[in-house]
Amino acid sequence: MKIMEFYEPAEDQGTKIKQNDTRKHRFTLKELNKLRKVREIAKAEDIEHGKFVKIMYATPADDTGL
């Protein structure tokens, strides 16, 4: 699962801050839940990538077959 699957351009328009808006943005529960899911997916991808890197850069076994 990739992070880009959660991106929706229609939702981008509502988060733009106007010039005269001085208030701090408050996150809704929906936004917080989406951020949590994105962090979990990114963490899982980092773990998978770490496993792949360990395999890719592991020292080769000394199996010459003789």
PDB file of N, CA and C in Angstrom:
ATOM      1  N   MET A   1       0.843  -1.162   0.000  1.00  0.00           N
ATOM      2  CA  MET A   1       0.000   0.000   0.000  1.00  0.00           C
ATOM      3  C   MET A   1       0.896   1.235   0.000  1.00  0.00           C
ATOM      4  N   LYS A   2       0.647   2.141  -0.892  1.00  0.00           N
ATOM      5  CA  LYS A   2       1.436   3.360  -1.019  1.00  0.00           C
ATOM      6  C   LYS A   2       0.688   4.543  -0.419  1.00  0.00           C
ATOM      7  N   ILE A   3       1.428   5.529   0.016  1.00  0.00           N
ATOM      8  CA  ILE A   3       0.854   6.711   0.642  1.00  0.00           C
ATOM      9  C   ILE A   3       0.007   7.489  -0.354  1.00  0.00           C
ATOM     10  N   MET A   4       0.374   7.470  -1.617  1.00  0.00           N
ATOM     11  CA  MET A   4      -0.342   8.260  -2.622  1.00  0.00           C
ATOM     12  C   MET A   4      -1.776   7.769  -2.830  1.00  0.00           C
ATOM     13  N   GLU A   5      -2.123   6.584  -2.332  1.00  0.00           N
ATOM     14  CA  GLU A   5      -3.481   6.084  -2.496  1.00  0.00           C
ATOM     15  C   GLU A   5      -4.484   6.911  -1.704  1.00  0.00           C
ATOM     16  N   PHE A   6      -4.026   7.643  -0.682  1.00  0.00           N
ATOM     17  CA  PHE A   6      -4.913   8.430   0.152  1.00  0.00           C
ATOM     18  C   PHE A   6      -5.067   9.859  -0.346  1.00  0.00           C
ATOM     19  N   TYR A   7      -4.357  10.251  -1.379  1.00  0.00           N
ATOM     20  CA  TYR A   7      -4.395  11.624  -1.873  1.00  0.00           C
ATOM     21  C   TYR A   7      -5.637  11.850  -2.725  1.00  0.00           C
ATOM     22  N   GLU A   8      -6.360  12.897  -2.396  1.00  0.00           N
ATOM     23  CA  GLU A   8      -7.519  13.289  -3.189  1.00  0.00           C
ATOM     24  C   GLU A   8      -7.417  14.785  -3.472  1.00  0.00           C
ATOM     25  N   PRO A   9      -7.251  15.171  -4.736  1.00  0.00           N
ATOM     26  CA  PRO A   9      -7.086  16.592  -5.074  1.00  0.00           C
ATOM     27  C   PRO A   9      -8.265  17.460  -4.647  1.00  0.00           C
ATOM     28  N   ALA A  10      -9.455  16.900  -4.606  1.00  0.00           N
ATOM     29  CA  ALA A  10     -10.626  17.692  -4.222  1.00  0.00           C
ATOM     30  C   ALA A  10     -10.517  18.151  -2.771  1.00  0.00           C
ATOM     31  N   GLU A  11      -9.864  17.369  -1.931  1.00  0.00           N
ATOM     32  CA  GLU A  11      -9.708  17.736  -0.523  1.00  0.00           C
ATOM     33  C   GLU A  11      -8.615  18.787  -0.329  1.00  0.00           C
ATOM     34  N   ASP A  12      -7.744  18.975  -1.286  1.00  0.00           N
ATOM     35  CA  ASP A  12      -6.682  19.970  -1.187  1.00  0.00           C
ATOM     36  C   ASP A  12      -7.234  21.393  -1.169  1.00  0.00           C
ATOM     37  N   GLN A  13      -8.324  21.635  -1.861  1.00  0.00           N
ATOM     38  CA  GLN A  13      -8.856  22.983  -1.993  1.00  0.00           C
ATOM     39  C   GLN A  13      -9.361  23.523  -0.658  1.00  0.00           C
ATOM     40  N   GLY A  14      -9.829  22.693   0.221  1.00  0.00           N
ATOM     41  CA  GLY A  14     -10.381  23.147   1.489  1.00  0.00           C
ATOM     42  C   GLY A  14      -9.337  23.510   2.520  1.00  0.00           C
ATOM     43  N   THR A  15      -8.108  23.104   2.323  1.00  0.00           N
ATOM     44  CA  THR A  15      -7.082  23.352   3.328  1.00  0.00           C
ATOM     45  C   THR A  15      -6.273  24.613   3.062  1.00  0.00           C
ATOM     46  N   LYS A  16      -6.575  25.323   1.995  1.00  0.00           N
ATOM     47  CA  LYS A  16      -5.829  26.542   1.685  1.00  0.00           C
ATOM     48  C   LYS A  16      -6.183  27.645   2.682  1.00  0.00           C
ATOM     49  N   ILE A  17      -5.167  28.320   3.182  1.00  0.00           N
ATOM     50  CA  ILE A  17      -5.358  29.395   4.139  1.00  0.00           C
ATOM     51  C   ILE A  17      -5.501  30.708   3.372  1.00  0.00           C
ATOM     52  N   LYS A  18      -6.478  31.471   3.739  1.00  0.00           N
ATOM     53  CA  LYS A  18      -6.705  32.750   3.079  1.00  0.00           C
ATOM     54  C   LYS A  18      -5.806  33.814   3.694  1.00  0.00           C
ATOM     55  N   GLN A  19      -5.640  34.905   2.998  1.00  0.00           N
ATOM     56  CA  GLN A  19      -4.756  35.998   3.418  1.00  0.00           C
ATOM     57  C   GLN A  19      -5.195  36.592   4.760  1.00  0.00           C
ATOM     58  N   ASN A  20      -6.492  36.756   4.957  1.00  0.00           N
ATOM     59  CA  ASN A  20      -6.978  37.403   6.162  1.00  0.00           C
ATOM     60  C   ASN A  20      -7.267  36.434   7.311  1.00  0.00           C
ATOM     61  N   ASP A  21      -7.006  35.160   7.150  1.00  0.00           N
ATOM     62  CA  ASP A  21      -7.270  34.170   8.193  1.00  0.00           C
ATOM     63  C   ASP A  21      -6.080  34.114   9.153  1.00  0.00           C
ATOM     64  N   THR A  22      -6.295  34.512  10.391  1.00  0.00           N
ATOM     65  CA  THR A  22      -5.203  34.553  11.378  1.00  0.00           C
ATOM     66  C   THR A  22      -5.316  33.428  12.398  1.00  0.00           C
ATOM     67  N   ARG A  23      -6.378  32.651  12.320  1.00  0.00           N
ATOM     68  CA  ARG A  23      -6.565  31.578  13.293  1.00  0.00           C
ATOM     69  C   ARG A  23      -5.685  30.377  12.963  1.00  0.00           C
ATOM     70  N   LYS A  24      -5.335  29.635  13.998  1.00  0.00           N
ATOM     71  CA  LYS A  24      -4.563  28.411  13.821  1.00  0.00           C
ATOM     72  C   LYS A  24      -5.516  27.306  13.364  1.00  0.00           C
ATOM     73  N   HIS A  25      -5.061  26.509  12.412  1.00  0.00           N
ATOM     74  CA  HIS A  25      -5.878  25.422  11.885  1.00  0.00           C
ATOM     75  C   HIS A  25      -6.038  24.334  12.933  1.00  0.00           C
ATOM     76  N   ARG A  26      -7.256  23.872  13.133  1.00  0.00           N
ATOM     77  CA  ARG A  26      -7.515  22.765  14.051  1.00  0.00           C
ATOM     78  C   ARG A  26      -7.853  21.536  13.219  1.00  0.00           C
ATOM     79  N   PHE A  27      -7.184  20.452  13.543  1.00  0.00           N
ATOM     80  CA  PHE A  27      -7.411  19.216  12.811  1.00  0.00           C
ATOM     81  C   PHE A  27      -8.701  18.554  13.272  1.00  0.00           C
ATOM     82  N   THR A  28      -9.407  17.980  12.313  1.00  0.00           N
ATOM     83  CA  THR A  28     -10.596  17.206  12.649  1.00  0.00           C
ATOM     84  C   THR A  28     -10.168  15.785  12.960  1.00  0.00           C
ATOM     85  N   LEU A  29     -11.069  15.022  13.541  1.00  0.00           N
ATOM     86  CA  LEU A  29     -10.753  13.625  13.856  1.00  0.00           C
ATOM     87  C   LEU A  29     -10.483  12.834  12.573  1.00  0.00           C
ATOM     88  N   LYS A  30     -11.181  13.175  11.508  1.00  0.00           N
ATOM     89  CA  LYS A  30     -10.966  12.506  10.225  1.00  0.00           C
ATOM     90  C   LYS A  30      -9.539  12.757   9.728  1.00  0.00           C
ATOM     91  N   GLU A  31      -9.087  14.010   9.827  1.00  0.00           N
ATOM     92  CA  GLU A  31      -7.727  14.352   9.389  1.00  0.00           C
ATOM     93  C   GLU A  31      -6.676  13.672  10.263  1.00  0.00           C
ATOM     94  N   LEU A  32      -6.912  13.651  11.580  1.00  0.00           N
ATOM     95  CA  LEU A  32      -5.965  13.000  12.485  1.00  0.00           C
ATOM     96  C   LEU A  32      -5.873  11.506  12.216  1.00  0.00           C
ATOM     97  N   ASN A  33      -7.009  10.892  11.941  1.00  0.00           N
ATOM     98  CA  ASN A  33      -7.017   9.462  11.651  1.00  0.00           C
ATOM     99  C   ASN A  33      -6.267   9.177  10.352  1.00  0.00           C
ATOM    100  N   LYS A  34      -6.450  10.034   9.345  1.00  0.00           N
ATOM    101  CA  LYS A  34      -5.752   9.856   8.079  1.00  0.00           C
ATOM    102  C   LYS A  34      -4.243  10.018   8.270  1.00  0.00           C
ATOM    103  N   LEU A  35      -3.820  11.000   9.076  1.00  0.00           N
ATOM    104  CA  LEU A  35      -2.394  11.190   9.362  1.00  0.00           C
ATOM    105  C   LEU A  35      -1.807   9.982  10.080  1.00  0.00           C
ATOM    106  N   ARG A  36      -2.568   9.409  11.010  1.00  0.00           N
ATOM    107  CA  ARG A  36      -2.101   8.221  11.735  1.00  0.00           C
ATOM    108  C   ARG A  36      -1.900   7.054  10.772  1.00  0.00           C
ATOM    109  N   LYS A  37      -2.857   6.875   9.858  1.00  0.00           N
ATOM    110  CA  LYS A  37      -2.745   5.787   8.882  1.00  0.00           C
ATOM    111  C   LYS A  37      -1.537   5.986   7.972  1.00  0.00           C
ATOM    112  N   VAL A  38      -1.306   7.228   7.553  1.00  0.00           N
ATOM    113  CA  VAL A  38      -0.159   7.523   6.685  1.00  0.00           C
ATOM    114  C   VAL A  38       1.144   7.215   7.412  1.00  0.00           C
ATOM    115  N   ARG A  39       1.226   7.597   8.694  1.00  0.00           N
ATOM    116  CA  ARG A  39       2.438   7.312   9.480  1.00  0.00           C
ATOM    117  C   ARG A  39       2.650   5.812   9.635  1.00  0.00           C
ATOM    118  N   GLU A  40       1.565   5.052   9.875  1.00  0.00           N
ATOM    119  CA  GLU A  40       1.692   3.607  10.015  1.00  0.00           C
ATOM    120  C   GLU A  40       2.162   2.965   8.713  1.00  0.00           C
ATOM    121  N   ILE A  41       1.629   3.421   7.595  1.00  0.00           N
ATOM    122  CA  ILE A  41       2.029   2.876   6.295  1.00  0.00           C
ATOM    123  C   ILE A  41       3.492   3.206   6.011  1.00  0.00           C
ATOM    124  N   ALA A  42       3.895   4.439   6.295  1.00  0.00           N
ATOM    125  CA  ALA A  42       5.282   4.833   6.066  1.00  0.00           C
ATOM    126  C   ALA A  42       6.226   4.022   6.948  1.00  0.00           C
ATOM    127  N   LYS A  43       5.824   3.762   8.182  1.00  0.00           N
ATOM    128  CA  LYS A  43       6.647   2.965   9.092  1.00  0.00           C
ATOM    129  C   LYS A  43       6.776   1.525   8.564  1.00  0.00           C
ATOM    130  N   ALA A  44       5.667   0.956   8.083  1.00  0.00           N
ATOM    131  CA  ALA A  44       5.698  -0.399   7.533  1.00  0.00           C
ATOM    132  C   ALA A  44       6.583  -0.451   6.287  1.00  0.00           C
ATOM    133  N   GLU A  45       6.514   0.573   5.442  1.00  0.00           N
ATOM    134  CA  GLU A  45       7.361   0.612   4.244  1.00  0.00           C
ATOM    135  C   GLU A  45       8.833   0.716   4.623  1.00  0.00           C
ATOM    136  N   ASP A  46       9.154   1.480   5.672  1.00  0.00           N
ATOM    137  CA  ASP A  46      10.537   1.586   6.137  1.00  0.00           C
ATOM    138  C   ASP A  46      11.046   0.244   6.648  1.00  0.00           C
ATOM    139  N   ILE A  47      10.206  -0.496   7.352  1.00  0.00           N
ATOM    140  CA  ILE A  47      10.599  -1.818   7.858  1.00  0.00           C
ATOM    141  C   ILE A  47      10.859  -2.766   6.697  1.00  0.00           C
ATOM    142  N   GLU A  48       9.950  -2.767   5.707  1.00  0.00           N
ATOM    143  CA  GLU A  48      10.132  -3.623   4.530  1.00  0.00           C
ATOM    144  C   GLU A  48      11.408  -3.252   3.775  1.00  0.00           C
ATOM    145  N   HIS A  49      11.650  -1.959   3.618  1.00  0.00           N
ATOM    146  CA  HIS A  49      12.841  -1.501   2.908  1.00  0.00           C
ATOM    147  C   HIS A  49      14.102  -1.907   3.670  1.00  0.00           C
ATOM    148  N   GLY A  50      14.055  -1.817   4.995  1.00  0.00           N
ATOM    149  CA  GLY A  50      15.197  -2.236   5.810  1.00  0.00           C
ATOM    150  C   GLY A  50      15.514  -3.716   5.634  1.00  0.00           C
ATOM    151  N   LYS A  51      14.469  -4.546   5.572  1.00  0.00           N
ATOM    152  CA  LYS A  51      14.676  -5.985   5.349  1.00  0.00           C
ATOM    153  C   LYS A  51      15.294  -6.224   3.970  1.00  0.00           C
ATOM    154  N   PHE A  52      14.790  -5.504   2.956  1.00  0.00           N
ATOM    155  CA  PHE A  52      15.302  -5.643   1.598  1.00  0.00           C
ATOM    156  C   PHE A  52      16.764  -5.233   1.516  1.00  0.00           C
ATOM    157  N   VAL A  53      17.115  -4.137   2.187  1.00  0.00           N
ATOM    158  CA  VAL A  53      18.493  -3.651   2.159  1.00  0.00           C
ATOM    159  C   VAL A  53      19.426  -4.647   2.832  1.00  0.00           C
ATOM    160  N   LYS A  54      18.985  -5.255   3.926  1.00  0.00           N
ATOM    161  CA  LYS A  54      19.806  -6.265   4.605  1.00  0.00           C
ATOM    162  C   LYS A  54      20.089  -7.450   3.684  1.00  0.00           C
ATOM    163  N   ILE A  55      19.081  -7.865   2.945  1.00  0.00           N
ATOM    164  CA  ILE A  55      19.260  -8.989   2.022  1.00  0.00           C
ATOM    165  C   ILE A  55      20.152  -8.580   0.858  1.00  0.00           C
ATOM    166  N   MET A  56      19.928  -7.385   0.324  1.00  0.00           N
ATOM    167  CA  MET A  56      20.666  -6.937  -0.847  1.00  0.00           C
ATOM    168  C   MET A  56      22.149  -6.746  -0.542  1.00  0.00           C
ATOM    169  N   TYR A  57      22.473  -6.213   0.625  1.00  0.00           N
ATOM    170  CA  TYR A  57      23.863  -5.920   0.947  1.00  0.00           C
ATOM    171  C   TYR A  57      24.500  -6.933   1.893  1.00  0.00           C
ATOM    172  N   ALA A  58      23.866  -8.077   2.069  1.00  0.00           N
ATOM    173  CA  ALA A  58      24.432  -9.105   2.929  1.00  0.00           C
ATOM    174  C   ALA A  58      25.675  -9.694   2.258  1.00  0.00           C
ATOM    175  N   THR A  59      26.631 -10.127   3.070  1.00  0.00           N
ATOM    176  CA  THR A  59      27.821 -10.757   2.507  1.00  0.00           C
ATOM    177  C   THR A  59      27.418 -12.085   1.902  1.00  0.00           C
ATOM    178  N   PRO A  60      27.929 -12.395   0.726  1.00  0.00           N
ATOM    179  CA  PRO A  60      27.537 -13.641   0.069  1.00  0.00           C
ATOM    180  C   PRO A  60      28.056 -14.849   0.860  1.00  0.00           C
ATOM    181  N   ALA A  61      27.261 -15.917   0.806  1.00  0.00           N
ATOM    182  CA  ALA A  61      27.658 -17.164   1.479  1.00  0.00           C
ATOM    183  C   ALA A  61      28.846 -17.768   0.738  1.00  0.00           C
ATOM    184  N   ASP A  62      29.646 -18.498   1.462  1.00  0.00           N
ATOM    185  CA  ASP A  62      30.854 -19.106   0.877  1.00  0.00           C
ATOM    186  C   ASP A  62      30.528 -20.494   0.340  1.00  0.00           C
ATOM    187  N   ASP A  63      29.602 -20.550  -0.606  1.00  0.00           N
ATOM    188  CA  ASP A  63      29.216 -21.804  -1.256  1.00  0.00           C
ATOM    189  C   ASP A  63      29.799 -21.819  -2.664  1.00  0.00           C
ATOM    190  N   THR A  64      30.983 -22.441  -2.817  1.00  0.00           N
ATOM    191  CA  THR A  64      31.612 -22.500  -4.132  1.00  0.00           C
ATOM    192  C   THR A  64      31.178 -23.740  -4.895  1.00  0.00           C
ATOM    193  N   GLY A  65      30.647 -24.729  -4.203  1.00  0.00           N
ATOM    194  CA  GLY A  65      30.142 -25.929  -4.858  1.00  0.00           C
ATOM    195  C   GLY A  65      31.223 -26.932  -5.249  1.00  0.00           C
ATOM    196  N   LEU A  66      32.414 -26.803  -4.714  1.00  0.00           N
ATOM    197  CA  LEU A  66      33.482 -27.751  -5.050  1.00  0.00           C
ATOM    198  C   LEU A  66      33.588 -28.857  -4.074  1.00  0.00           C
TER     199      LEU A  66
END
